[in-house]
């Protein structure tokens, strides 16, 4: 019996901070080489595959098979698309989407007359 690849939408947290947005995704078993992040117009797509090698042993039962992840986000004009960054560590992807300069909080100068 050959293992089937399941497609899953990974658990995700999105946090807004003053300088931008952090998207945290749980991607257990995924290495940086098995992760693809594409930006096309307003859609940011994350695809990943976790690989499980049973090794030389014949499995009596295999519940850990390859798992494919996919998640699509629609971005607003608030995001600076040229400076998006991604880091994966210990099975957690941290996507940083900086706010566009025009969307960052700023103080308005008041001039006396």
PDB file of N, CA and C in Angstrom:
ATOM      1  N   UNK A   1       0.844  -1.174   0.000  1.00  0.00           N
ATOM      2  CA  UNK A   1       0.000   0.000   0.000  1.00  0.00           C
ATOM      3  C   UNK A   1       0.896   1.247   0.000  1.00  0.00           C
ATOM      4  N   UNK A   2       0.687   2.164  -0.923  1.00  0.00           N
ATOM      5  CA  UNK A   2       1.512   3.372  -0.970  1.00  0.00           C
ATOM      6  C   UNK A   2       0.862   4.467  -0.137  1.00  0.00           C
ATOM      7  N   UNK A   3       1.692   5.279   0.540  1.00  0.00           N
ATOM      8  CA  UNK A   3       1.125   6.332   1.370  1.00  0.00           C
ATOM      9  C   UNK A   3       0.502   7.432   0.517  1.00  0.00           C
ATOM     10  N   UNK A   4      -0.611   7.947   0.974  1.00  0.00           N
ATOM     11  CA  UNK A   4      -1.295   9.047   0.305  1.00  0.00           C
ATOM     12  C   UNK A   4      -0.868  10.348   0.987  1.00  0.00           C
ATOM     13  N   UNK A   5      -0.718  11.384   0.218  1.00  0.00           N
ATOM     14  CA  UNK A   5      -0.381  12.677   0.788  1.00  0.00           C
ATOM     15  C   UNK A   5      -1.665  13.419   1.131  1.00  0.00           C
ATOM     16  N   UNK A   6      -1.796  13.798   2.394  1.00  0.00           N
ATOM     17  CA  UNK A   6      -2.952  14.566   2.844  1.00  0.00           C
ATOM     18  C   UNK A   6      -2.637  16.051   2.699  1.00  0.00           C
ATOM     19  N   UNK A   7      -3.643  16.849   2.379  1.00  0.00           N
ATOM     20  CA  UNK A   7      -3.470  18.297   2.316  1.00  0.00           C
ATOM     21  C   UNK A   7      -4.156  18.895   3.532  1.00  0.00           C
ATOM     22  N   UNK A   8      -3.428  19.744   4.232  1.00  0.00           N
ATOM     23  CA  UNK A   8      -3.932  20.311   5.471  1.00  0.00           C
ATOM     24  C   UNK A   8      -3.736  21.825   5.467  1.00  0.00           C
ATOM     25  N   UNK A   9      -4.644  22.531   6.139  1.00  0.00           N
ATOM     26  CA  UNK A   9      -4.475  23.958   6.354  1.00  0.00           C
ATOM     27  C   UNK A   9      -3.860  24.108   7.746  1.00  0.00           C
ATOM     28  N   UNK A  10      -2.602  24.565   7.832  1.00  0.00           N
ATOM     29  CA  UNK A  10      -1.920  24.585   9.119  1.00  0.00           C
ATOM     30  C   UNK A  10      -2.526  25.600  10.090  1.00  0.00           C
ATOM     31  N   UNK A  11      -2.484  25.277  11.388  1.00  0.00           N
ATOM     32  CA  UNK A  11      -2.938  26.246  12.394  1.00  0.00           C
ATOM     33  C   UNK A  11      -2.112  27.525  12.279  1.00  0.00           C
ATOM     34  N   UNK A  12      -2.784  28.657  12.366  1.00  0.00           N
ATOM     35  CA  UNK A  12      -2.137  29.941  12.096  1.00  0.00           C
ATOM     36  C   UNK A  12      -2.586  30.994  13.097  1.00  0.00           C
ATOM     37  N   UNK A  13      -1.629  31.803  13.556  1.00  0.00           N
ATOM     38  CA  UNK A  13      -1.919  32.986  14.366  1.00  0.00           C
ATOM     39  C   UNK A  13      -1.443  34.200  13.585  1.00  0.00           C
ATOM     40  N   UNK A  14      -2.227  35.272  13.597  1.00  0.00           N
ATOM     41  CA  UNK A  14      -1.841  36.515  12.943  1.00  0.00           C
ATOM     42  C   UNK A  14      -1.862  37.615  13.997  1.00  0.00           C
ATOM     43  N   UNK A  15      -0.719  38.279  14.157  1.00  0.00           N
ATOM     44  CA  UNK A  15      -0.593  39.345  15.141  1.00  0.00           C
ATOM     45  C   UNK A  15      -0.267  40.653  14.438  1.00  0.00           C
ATOM     46  N   UNK A  16      -0.948  41.719  14.832  1.00  0.00           N
ATOM     47  CA  UNK A  16      -0.616  43.039  14.300  1.00  0.00           C
ATOM     48  C   UNK A  16       0.224  43.775  15.326  1.00  0.00           C
ATOM     49  N   UNK A  17       1.333  44.320  14.847  1.00  0.00           N
ATOM     50  CA  UNK A  17       2.196  45.143  15.683  1.00  0.00           C
ATOM     51  C   UNK A  17       2.336  46.498  15.002  1.00  0.00           C
ATOM     52  N   UNK A  18       2.981  47.420  15.673  1.00  0.00           N
ATOM     53  CA  UNK A  18       3.089  48.772  15.125  1.00  0.00           C
ATOM     54  C   UNK A  18       3.779  48.799  13.760  1.00  0.00           C
ATOM     55  N   UNK A  19       4.807  47.949  13.590  1.00  0.00           N
ATOM     56  CA  UNK A  19       5.587  47.983  12.345  1.00  0.00           C
ATOM     57  C   UNK A  19       5.091  47.020  11.272  1.00  0.00           C
ATOM     58  N   UNK A  20       4.182  46.110  11.627  1.00  0.00           N
ATOM     59  CA  UNK A  20       3.697  45.169  10.624  1.00  0.00           C
ATOM     60  C   UNK A  20       2.914  44.022  11.231  1.00  0.00           C
ATOM     61  N   UNK A  21       2.787  42.970  10.453  1.00  0.00           N
ATOM     62  CA  UNK A  21       2.010  41.800  10.848  1.00  0.00           C
ATOM     63  C   UNK A  21       2.925  40.583  10.905  1.00  0.00           C
ATOM     64  N   UNK A  22       2.721  39.738  11.902  1.00  0.00           N
ATOM     65  CA  UNK A  22       3.415  38.453  11.983  1.00  0.00           C
ATOM     66  C   UNK A  22       2.382  37.355  11.780  1.00  0.00           C
ATOM     67  N   UNK A  23       2.680  36.464  10.871  1.00  0.00           N
ATOM     68  CA  UNK A  23       1.854  35.278  10.666  1.00  0.00           C
ATOM     69  C   UNK A  23       2.677  34.093  11.141  1.00  0.00           C
ATOM     70  N   UNK A  24       2.197  33.408  12.162  1.00  0.00           N
ATOM     71  CA  UNK A  24       2.873  32.222  12.695  1.00  0.00           C
ATOM     72  C   UNK A  24       2.086  30.994  12.259  1.00  0.00           C
ATOM     73  N   UNK A  25       2.773  30.047  11.632  1.00  0.00           N
ATOM     74  CA  UNK A  25       2.118  28.827  11.157  1.00  0.00           C
ATOM     75  C   UNK A  25       2.846  27.617  11.714  1.00  0.00           C
ATOM     76  N   UNK A  26       2.083  26.663  12.247  1.00  0.00           N
ATOM     77  CA  UNK A  26       2.656  25.400  12.713  1.00  0.00           C
ATOM     78  C   UNK A  26       2.844  24.474  11.522  1.00  0.00           C
ATOM     79  N   UNK A  27       4.106  24.143  11.237  1.00  0.00           N
ATOM     80  CA  UNK A  27       4.441  23.258  10.118  1.00  0.00           C
ATOM     81  C   UNK A  27       5.401  22.175  10.606  1.00  0.00           C
ATOM     82  N   UNK A  28       4.936  21.260  11.457  1.00  0.00           N
ATOM     83  CA  UNK A  28       5.834  20.241  12.001  1.00  0.00           C
ATOM     84  C   UNK A  28       6.413  19.353  10.904  1.00  0.00           C
ATOM     85  N   UNK A  29       7.707  19.091  11.023  1.00  0.00           N
ATOM     86  CA  UNK A  29       8.375  18.210  10.068  1.00  0.00           C
ATOM     87  C   UNK A  29       8.748  18.868   8.760  1.00  0.00           C
ATOM     88  N   UNK A  30       8.571  20.185   8.653  1.00  0.00           N
ATOM     89  CA  UNK A  30       8.878  20.894   7.408  1.00  0.00           C
ATOM     90  C   UNK A  30      10.230  21.590   7.535  1.00  0.00           C
ATOM     91  N   UNK A  31      11.098  21.348   6.556  1.00  0.00           N
ATOM     92  CA  UNK A  31      12.390  22.026   6.475  1.00  0.00           C
ATOM     93  C   UNK A  31      12.266  23.195   5.499  1.00  0.00           C
ATOM     94  N   UNK A  32      13.208  24.122   5.563  1.00  0.00           N
ATOM     95  CA  UNK A  32      13.174  25.292   4.681  1.00  0.00           C
ATOM     96  C   UNK A  32      13.151  24.886   3.210  1.00  0.00           C
ATOM     97  N   UNK A  33      13.831  23.803   2.866  1.00  0.00           N
ATOM     98  CA  UNK A  33      13.867  23.337   1.474  1.00  0.00           C
ATOM     99  C   UNK A  33      12.527  22.783   0.996  1.00  0.00           C
ATOM    100  N   UNK A  34      11.649  22.451   1.921  1.00  0.00           N
ATOM    101  CA  UNK A  34      10.345  21.874   1.581  1.00  0.00           C
ATOM    102  C   UNK A  34       9.217  22.903   1.666  1.00  0.00           C
ATOM    103  N   UNK A  35       9.597  24.174   1.683  1.00  0.00           N
ATOM    104  CA  UNK A  35       8.652  25.266   1.880  1.00  0.00           C
ATOM    105  C   UNK A  35       8.736  26.220   0.692  1.00  0.00           C
ATOM    106  N   UNK A  36       7.577  26.613   0.155  1.00  0.00           N
ATOM    107  CA  UNK A  36       7.510  27.570  -0.956  1.00  0.00           C
ATOM    108  C   UNK A  36       6.503  28.651  -0.583  1.00  0.00           C
ATOM    109  N   UNK A  37       6.926  29.899  -0.732  1.00  0.00           N
ATOM    110  CA  UNK A  37       6.039  31.030  -0.467  1.00  0.00           C
ATOM    111  C   UNK A  37       6.012  31.882  -1.730  1.00  0.00           C
ATOM    112  N   UNK A  38       4.830  32.043  -2.295  1.00  0.00           N
ATOM    113  CA  UNK A  38       4.667  32.812  -3.529  1.00  0.00           C
ATOM    114  C   UNK A  38       3.780  34.021  -3.281  1.00  0.00           C
ATOM    115  N   UNK A  39       4.128  35.115  -3.922  1.00  0.00           N
ATOM    116  CA  UNK A  39       3.311  36.321  -3.876  1.00  0.00           C
ATOM    117  C   UNK A  39       2.924  36.668  -5.306  1.00  0.00           C
ATOM    118  N   UNK A  40       1.628  36.656  -5.563  1.00  0.00           N
ATOM    119  CA  UNK A  40       1.125  37.001  -6.891  1.00  0.00           C
ATOM    120  C   UNK A  40      -0.025  37.977  -6.717  1.00  0.00           C
ATOM    121  N   UNK A  41       0.204  39.199  -7.163  1.00  0.00           N
ATOM    122  CA  UNK A  41      -0.732  40.298  -6.987  1.00  0.00           C
ATOM    123  C   UNK A  41      -1.047  40.446  -5.505  1.00  0.00           C
ATOM    124  N   UNK A  42      -2.275  40.215  -5.076  1.00  0.00           N
ATOM    125  CA  UNK A  42      -2.643  40.391  -3.666  1.00  0.00           C
ATOM    126  C   UNK A  42      -2.697  39.085  -2.896  1.00  0.00           C
ATOM    127  N   UNK A  43      -2.258  37.984  -3.490  1.00  0.00           N
ATOM    128  CA  UNK A  43      -2.342  36.685  -2.814  1.00  0.00           C
ATOM    129  C   UNK A  43      -0.967  36.157  -2.427  1.00  0.00           C
ATOM    130  N   UNK A  44      -0.835  35.862  -1.147  1.00  0.00           N
ATOM    131  CA  UNK A  44       0.367  35.233  -0.612  1.00  0.00           C
ATOM    132  C   UNK A  44       0.019  33.773  -0.343  1.00  0.00           C
ATOM    133  N   UNK A  45       0.722  32.865  -1.005  1.00  0.00           N
ATOM    134  CA  UNK A  45       0.432  31.438  -0.880  1.00  0.00           C
ATOM    135  C   UNK A  45       1.610  30.735  -0.231  1.00  0.00           C
ATOM    136  N   UNK A  46       1.318  29.955   0.800  1.00  0.00           N
ATOM    137  CA  UNK A  46       2.332  29.154   1.490  1.00  0.00           C
ATOM    138  C   UNK A  46       2.037  27.692   1.199  1.00  0.00           C
ATOM    139  N   UNK A  47       3.052  26.990   0.682  1.00  0.00           N
ATOM    140  CA  UNK A  47       2.944  25.550   0.424  1.00  0.00           C
ATOM    141  C   UNK A  47       4.125  24.872   1.094  1.00  0.00           C
ATOM    142  N   UNK A  48       3.865  23.731   1.702  1.00  0.00           N
ATOM    143  CA  UNK A  48       4.937  22.996   2.369  1.00  0.00           C
ATOM    144  C   UNK A  48       4.610  21.512   2.374  1.00  0.00           C
ATOM    145  N   UNK A  49       5.663  20.703   2.488  1.00  0.00           N
ATOM    146  CA  UNK A  49       5.500  19.252   2.580  1.00  0.00           C
ATOM    147  C   UNK A  49       6.364  18.760   3.728  1.00  0.00           C
ATOM    148  N   UNK A  50       5.738  18.032   4.654  1.00  0.00           N
ATOM    149  CA  UNK A  50       6.522  17.376   5.702  1.00  0.00           C
ATOM    150  C   UNK A  50       6.820  15.972   5.217  1.00  0.00           C
ATOM    151  N   UNK A  51       8.071  15.597   5.366  1.00  0.00           N
ATOM    152  CA  UNK A  51       8.481  14.278   4.891  1.00  0.00           C
ATOM    153  C   UNK A  51       8.747  13.384   6.088  1.00  0.00           C
ATOM    154  N   UNK A  52       8.289  12.178   5.988  1.00  0.00           N
ATOM    155  CA  UNK A  52       8.537  11.190   7.038  1.00  0.00           C
ATOM    156  C   UNK A  52       9.149   9.972   6.384  1.00  0.00           C
ATOM    157  N   UNK A  53      10.321   9.628   6.849  1.00  0.00           N
ATOM    158  CA  UNK A  53      11.017   8.457   6.325  1.00  0.00           C
ATOM    159  C   UNK A  53      10.936   7.336   7.356  1.00  0.00           C
ATOM    160  N   UNK A  54      10.342   6.222   6.984  1.00  0.00           N
ATOM    161  CA  UNK A  54      10.245   5.079   7.892  1.00  0.00           C
ATOM    162  C   UNK A  54      11.580   4.362   8.016  1.00  0.00           C
ATOM    163  N   UNK A  55      12.495   4.673   7.122  1.00  0.00           N
ATOM    164  CA  UNK A  55      13.800   4.027   7.166  1.00  0.00           C
ATOM    165  C   UNK A  55      13.746   2.657   6.525  1.00  0.00           C
ATOM    166  N   UNK A  56      14.678   1.806   6.909  1.00  0.00           N
ATOM    167  CA  UNK A  56      14.784   0.472   6.309  1.00  0.00           C
ATOM    168  C   UNK A  56      13.747  -0.494   6.868  1.00  0.00           C
ATOM    169  N   UNK A  57      13.109  -0.132   7.954  1.00  0.00           N
ATOM    170  CA  UNK A  57      12.149  -1.034   8.597  1.00  0.00           C
ATOM    171  C   UNK A  57      10.808  -1.029   7.875  1.00  0.00           C
ATOM    172  N   UNK A  58      10.172  -2.170   7.843  1.00  0.00           N
ATOM    173  CA  UNK A  58       8.821  -2.303   7.286  1.00  0.00           C
ATOM    174  C   UNK A  58       7.833  -1.908   8.383  1.00  0.00           C
ATOM    175  N   UNK A  59       6.989  -0.945   8.107  1.00  0.00           N
ATOM    176  CA  UNK A  59       6.035  -0.483   9.112  1.00  0.00           C
ATOM    177  C   UNK A  59       4.846  -1.439   9.188  1.00  0.00           C
ATOM    178  N   UNK A  60       4.466  -1.793  10.403  1.00  0.00           N
ATOM    179  CA  UNK A  60       3.265  -2.597  10.610  1.00  0.00           C
ATOM    180  C   UNK A  60       2.021  -1.720  10.409  1.00  0.00           C
ATOM    181  N   UNK A  61       2.136  -0.485  10.862  1.00  0.00           N
ATOM    182  CA  UNK A  61       1.068   0.502  10.697  1.00  0.00           C
ATOM    183  C   UNK A  61       1.753   1.853  10.559  1.00  0.00           C
ATOM    184  N   UNK A  62       1.322   2.636   9.607  1.00  0.00           N
ATOM    185  CA  UNK A  62       1.979   3.912   9.353  1.00  0.00           C
ATOM    186  C   UNK A  62       0.945   5.032   9.380  1.00  0.00           C
ATOM    187  N   UNK A  63       0.902   5.768  10.497  1.00  0.00           N
ATOM    188  CA  UNK A  63      -0.003   6.903  10.612  1.00  0.00           C
ATOM    189  C   UNK A  63       0.720   8.220  10.367  1.00  0.00           C
ATOM    190  N   UNK A  64       2.047   8.158  10.276  1.00  0.00           N
ATOM    191  CA  UNK A  64       2.848   9.330   9.955  1.00  0.00           C
ATOM    192  C   UNK A  64       3.259   9.235   8.500  1.00  0.00           C
ATOM    193  N   UNK A  65       2.500   9.827   7.644  1.00  0.00           N
ATOM    194  CA  UNK A  65       2.842   9.812   6.232  1.00  0.00           C
ATOM    195  C   UNK A  65       3.202  11.207   5.783  1.00  0.00           C
ATOM    196  N   UNK A  66       3.484  11.363   4.517  1.00  0.00           N
ATOM    197  CA  UNK A  66       3.749  12.710   4.016  1.00  0.00           C
ATOM    198  C   UNK A  66       2.502  13.577   4.182  1.00  0.00           C
ATOM    199  N   UNK A  67       2.722  14.815   4.538  1.00  0.00           N
ATOM    200  CA  UNK A  67       1.611  15.740   4.743  1.00  0.00           C
ATOM    201  C   UNK A  67       1.911  17.018   3.975  1.00  0.00           C
ATOM    202  N   UNK A  68       0.965  17.479   3.205  1.00  0.00           N
ATOM    203  CA  UNK A  68       1.119  18.688   2.413  1.00  0.00           C
ATOM    204  C   UNK A  68       0.290  19.797   3.052  1.00  0.00           C
ATOM    205  N   UNK A  69       0.894  20.964   3.181  1.00  0.00           N
ATOM    206  CA  UNK A  69       0.214  22.117   3.761  1.00  0.00           C
ATOM    207  C   UNK A  69       0.012  23.176   2.687  1.00  0.00           C
ATOM    208  N   UNK A  70      -1.114  23.882   2.789  1.00  0.00           N
ATOM    209  CA  UNK A  70      -1.348  25.007   1.887  1.00  0.00           C
ATOM    210  C   UNK A  70      -2.231  26.026   2.585  1.00  0.00           C
ATOM    211  N   UNK A  71      -1.838  27.277   2.462  1.00  0.00           N
ATOM    212  CA  UNK A  71      -2.631  28.362   3.034  1.00  0.00           C
ATOM    213  C   UNK A  71      -2.481  29.583   2.137  1.00  0.00           C
ATOM    214  N   UNK A  72      -3.579  30.265   1.862  1.00  0.00           N
ATOM    215  CA  UNK A  72      -3.564  31.446   1.001  1.00  0.00           C
ATOM    216  C   UNK A  72      -4.090  32.635   1.801  1.00  0.00           C
ATOM    217  N   UNK A  73      -3.369  33.748   1.712  1.00  0.00           N
ATOM    218  CA  UNK A  73      -3.765  34.982   2.385  1.00  0.00           C
ATOM    219  C   UNK A  73      -3.953  36.073   1.339  1.00  0.00           C
ATOM    220  N   UNK A  74      -4.997  36.862   1.495  1.00  0.00           N
ATOM    221  CA  UNK A  74      -5.207  38.019   0.633  1.00  0.00           C
ATOM    222  C   UNK A  74      -4.660  39.242   1.355  1.00  0.00           C
ATOM    223  N   UNK A  75      -3.739  39.942   0.703  1.00  0.00           N
ATOM    224  CA  UNK A  75      -3.076  41.084   1.323  1.00  0.00           C
ATOM    225  C   UNK A  75      -3.773  42.383   0.942  1.00  0.00           C
ATOM    226  N   UNK A  76      -3.785  43.306   1.884  1.00  0.00           N
ATOM    227  CA  UNK A  76      -4.343  44.629   1.615  1.00  0.00           C
ATOM    228  C   UNK A  76      -3.205  45.568   1.209  1.00  0.00           C
ATOM    229  N   UNK A  77      -3.559  46.798   0.903  1.00  0.00           N
ATOM    230  CA  UNK A  77      -2.549  47.796   0.548  1.00  0.00           C
ATOM    231  C   UNK A  77      -1.731  48.232   1.754  1.00  0.00           C
ATOM    232  N   UNK A  78      -2.094  47.761   2.934  1.00  0.00           N
ATOM    233  CA  UNK A  78      -1.345  48.093   4.148  1.00  0.00           C
ATOM    234  C   UNK A  78       0.024  47.425   4.173  1.00  0.00           C
ATOM    235  N   UNK A  79       0.228  46.375   3.363  1.00  0.00           N
ATOM    236  CA  UNK A  79       1.451  45.571   3.429  1.00  0.00           C
ATOM    237  C   UNK A  79       2.473  46.042   2.400  1.00  0.00           C
ATOM    238  N   UNK A  80       3.713  46.205   2.860  1.00  0.00           N
ATOM    239  CA  UNK A  80       4.851  46.514   1.987  1.00  0.00           C
ATOM    240  C   UNK A  80       5.331  45.197   1.382  1.00  0.00           C
ATOM    241  N   UNK A  81       4.893  44.898   0.182  1.00  0.00           N
ATOM    242  CA  UNK A  81       5.154  43.600  -0.449  1.00  0.00           C
ATOM    243  C   UNK A  81       6.629  43.354  -0.743  1.00  0.00           C
ATOM    244  N   UNK A  82       7.417  44.414  -0.902  1.00  0.00           N
ATOM    245  CA  UNK A  82       8.832  44.260  -1.253  1.00  0.00           C
ATOM    246  C   UNK A  82       9.703  43.838  -0.078  1.00  0.00           C
ATOM    247  N   UNK A  83       9.188  43.889   1.130  1.00  0.00           N
ATOM    248  CA  UNK A  83      10.016  43.603   2.308  1.00  0.00           C
ATOM    249  C   UNK A  83       9.467  42.487   3.187  1.00  0.00           C
ATOM    250  N   UNK A  84       8.671  41.596   2.626  1.00  0.00           N
ATOM    251  CA  UNK A  84       8.159  40.453   3.381  1.00  0.00           C
ATOM    252  C   UNK A  84       9.320  39.511   3.682  1.00  0.00           C
ATOM    253  N   UNK A  85       9.371  39.013   4.909  1.00  0.00           N
ATOM    254  CA  UNK A  85      10.446  38.106   5.325  1.00  0.00           C
ATOM    255  C   UNK A  85       9.847  36.838   5.918  1.00  0.00           C
ATOM    256  N   UNK A  86      10.580  35.736   5.785  1.00  0.00           N
ATOM    257  CA  UNK A  86      10.111  34.449   6.311  1.00  0.00           C
ATOM    258  C   UNK A  86      11.259  33.724   6.996  1.00  0.00           C
ATOM    259  N   UNK A  87      10.961  33.159   8.171  1.00  0.00           N
ATOM    260  CA  UNK A  87      11.925  32.356   8.927  1.00  0.00           C
ATOM    261  C   UNK A  87      11.187  31.125   9.428  1.00  0.00           C
ATOM    262  N   UNK A  88      11.804  29.947   9.273  1.00  0.00           N
ATOM    263  CA  UNK A  88      11.214  28.740   9.858  1.00  0.00           C
ATOM    264  C   UNK A  88      12.192  28.187  10.882  1.00  0.00           C
ATOM    265  N   UNK A  89      11.664  27.903  12.071  1.00  0.00           N
ATOM    266  CA  UNK A  89      12.496  27.379  13.157  1.00  0.00           C
ATOM    267  C   UNK A  89      11.642  26.461  14.013  1.00  0.00           C
ATOM    268  N   UNK A  90      12.149  25.272  14.258  1.00  0.00           N
ATOM    269  CA  UNK A  90      11.472  24.293  15.116  1.00  0.00           C
ATOM    270  C   UNK A  90      10.031  24.030  14.673  1.00  0.00           C
ATOM    271  N   UNK A  91       9.809  23.990  13.362  1.00  0.00           N
ATOM    272  CA  UNK A  91       8.487  23.668  12.839  1.00  0.00           C
ATOM    273  C   UNK A  91       7.485  24.801  12.865  1.00  0.00           C
ATOM    274  N   UNK A  92       7.953  26.022  13.156  1.00  0.00           N
ATOM    275  CA  UNK A  92       7.062  27.185  13.163  1.00  0.00           C
ATOM    276  C   UNK A  92       7.575  28.198  12.141  1.00  0.00           C
ATOM    277  N   UNK A  93       6.707  28.550  11.198  1.00  0.00           N
ATOM    278  CA  UNK A  93       7.033  29.566  10.203  1.00  0.00           C
ATOM    279  C   UNK A  93       6.609  30.921  10.743  1.00  0.00           C
ATOM    280  N   UNK A  94       7.528  31.886  10.694  1.00  0.00           N
ATOM    281  CA  UNK A  94       7.228  33.267  11.074  1.00  0.00           C
ATOM    282  C   UNK A  94       7.342  34.116   9.814  1.00  0.00           C
ATOM    283  N   UNK A  95       6.209  34.539   9.310  1.00  0.00           N
ATOM    284  CA  UNK A  95       6.169  35.447   8.162  1.00  0.00           C
ATOM    285  C   UNK A  95       5.991  36.858   8.702  1.00  0.00           C
ATOM    286  N   UNK A  96       6.880  37.759   8.308  1.00  0.00           N
ATOM    287  CA  UNK A  96       6.740  39.152   8.724  1.00  0.00           C
ATOM    288  C   UNK A  96       6.327  39.974   7.519  1.00  0.00           C
ATOM    289  N   UNK A  97       5.181  40.623   7.634  1.00  0.00           N
ATOM    290  CA  UNK A  97       4.653  41.475   6.579  1.00  0.00           C
ATOM    291  C   UNK A  97       4.682  42.907   7.098  1.00  0.00           C
ATOM    292  N   UNK A  98       5.701  43.678   6.706  1.00  0.00           N
ATOM    293  CA  UNK A  98       5.795  45.043   7.226  1.00  0.00           C
ATOM    294  C   UNK A  98       4.680  45.924   6.679  1.00  0.00           C
ATOM    295  N   UNK A  99       4.301  46.886   7.487  1.00  0.00           N
ATOM    296  CA  UNK A  99       3.293  47.842   7.031  1.00  0.00           C
ATOM    297  C   UNK A  99       3.938  48.807   6.037  1.00  0.00           C
ATOM    298  N   UNK A 100       3.171  49.205   5.049  1.00  0.00           N
ATOM    299  CA  UNK A 100       3.629  50.221   4.105  1.00  0.00           C
ATOM    300  C   UNK A 100       3.863  51.515   4.881  1.00  0.00           C
ATOM    301  N   UNK A 101       4.859  52.287   4.468  1.00  0.00           N
ATOM    302  CA  UNK A 101       5.197  53.524   5.182  1.00  0.00           C
ATOM    303  C   UNK A 101       3.978  54.413   5.382  1.00  0.00           C
ATOM    304  N   UNK A 102       3.126  54.490   4.387  1.00  0.00           N
ATOM    305  CA  UNK A 102       1.951  55.361   4.485  1.00  0.00           C
ATOM    306  C   UNK A 102       0.953  54.879   5.533  1.00  0.00           C
ATOM    307  N   UNK A 103       1.077  53.618   5.972  1.00  0.00           N
ATOM    308  CA  UNK A 103       0.132  53.061   6.942  1.00  0.00           C
ATOM    309  C   UNK A 103       0.676  53.067   8.372  1.00  0.00           C
ATOM    310  N   UNK A 104       1.965  53.368   8.534  1.00  0.00           N
ATOM    311  CA  UNK A 104       2.551  53.360   9.879  1.00  0.00           C
ATOM    312  C   UNK A 104       2.082  54.581  10.661  1.00  0.00           C
ATOM    313  N   UNK A 105       1.902  54.396  11.969  1.00  0.00           N
ATOM    314  CA  UNK A 105       1.494  55.538  12.793  1.00  0.00           C
ATOM    315  C   UNK A 105       2.571  56.628  12.760  1.00  0.00           C
ATOM    316  N   UNK A 106       2.144  57.843  12.758  1.00  0.00           N
ATOM    317  CA  UNK A 106       3.100  58.941  12.794  1.00  0.00           C
ATOM    318  C   UNK A 106       2.465  60.115  13.516  1.00  0.00           C
ATOM    319  N   UNK A 107       3.315  60.979  14.003  1.00  0.00           N
ATOM    320  CA  UNK A 107       2.841  62.164  14.702  1.00  0.00           C
ATOM    321  C   UNK A 107       2.757  63.313  13.702  1.00  0.00           C
ATOM    322  N   UNK A 108       1.700  64.074  13.787  1.00  0.00           N
ATOM    323  CA  UNK A 108       1.507  65.230  12.917  1.00  0.00           C
ATOM    324  C   UNK A 108       2.082  66.456  13.619  1.00  0.00           C
ATOM    325  N   UNK A 109       2.977  67.124  12.923  1.00  0.00           N
ATOM    326  CA  UNK A 109       3.604  68.317  13.490  1.00  0.00           C
ATOM    327  C   UNK A 109       2.607  69.477  13.479  1.00  0.00           C
ATOM    328  N   UNK A 110       2.588  70.207  14.568  1.00  0.00           N
ATOM    329  CA  UNK A 110       1.715  71.378  14.684  1.00  0.00           C
ATOM    330  C   UNK A 110       2.595  72.614  14.651  1.00  0.00           C
ATOM    331  N   UNK A 111       2.316  73.506  13.721  1.00  0.00           N
ATOM    332  CA  UNK A 111       3.103  74.735  13.590  1.00  0.00           C
ATOM    333  C   UNK A 111       2.285  75.910  14.110  1.00  0.00           C
ATOM    334  N   UNK A 112       2.924  76.729  14.919  1.00  0.00           N
ATOM    335  CA  UNK A 112       2.203  77.921  15.389  1.00  0.00           C
ATOM    336  C   UNK A 112       2.040  78.924  14.246  1.00  0.00           C
ATOM    337  N   UNK A 113       1.000  79.731  14.341  1.00  0.00           N
ATOM    338  CA  UNK A 113       0.778  80.753  13.304  1.00  0.00           C
ATOM    339  C   UNK A 113       1.561  81.986  13.608  1.00  0.00           C
TER     340      UNK A 113
END
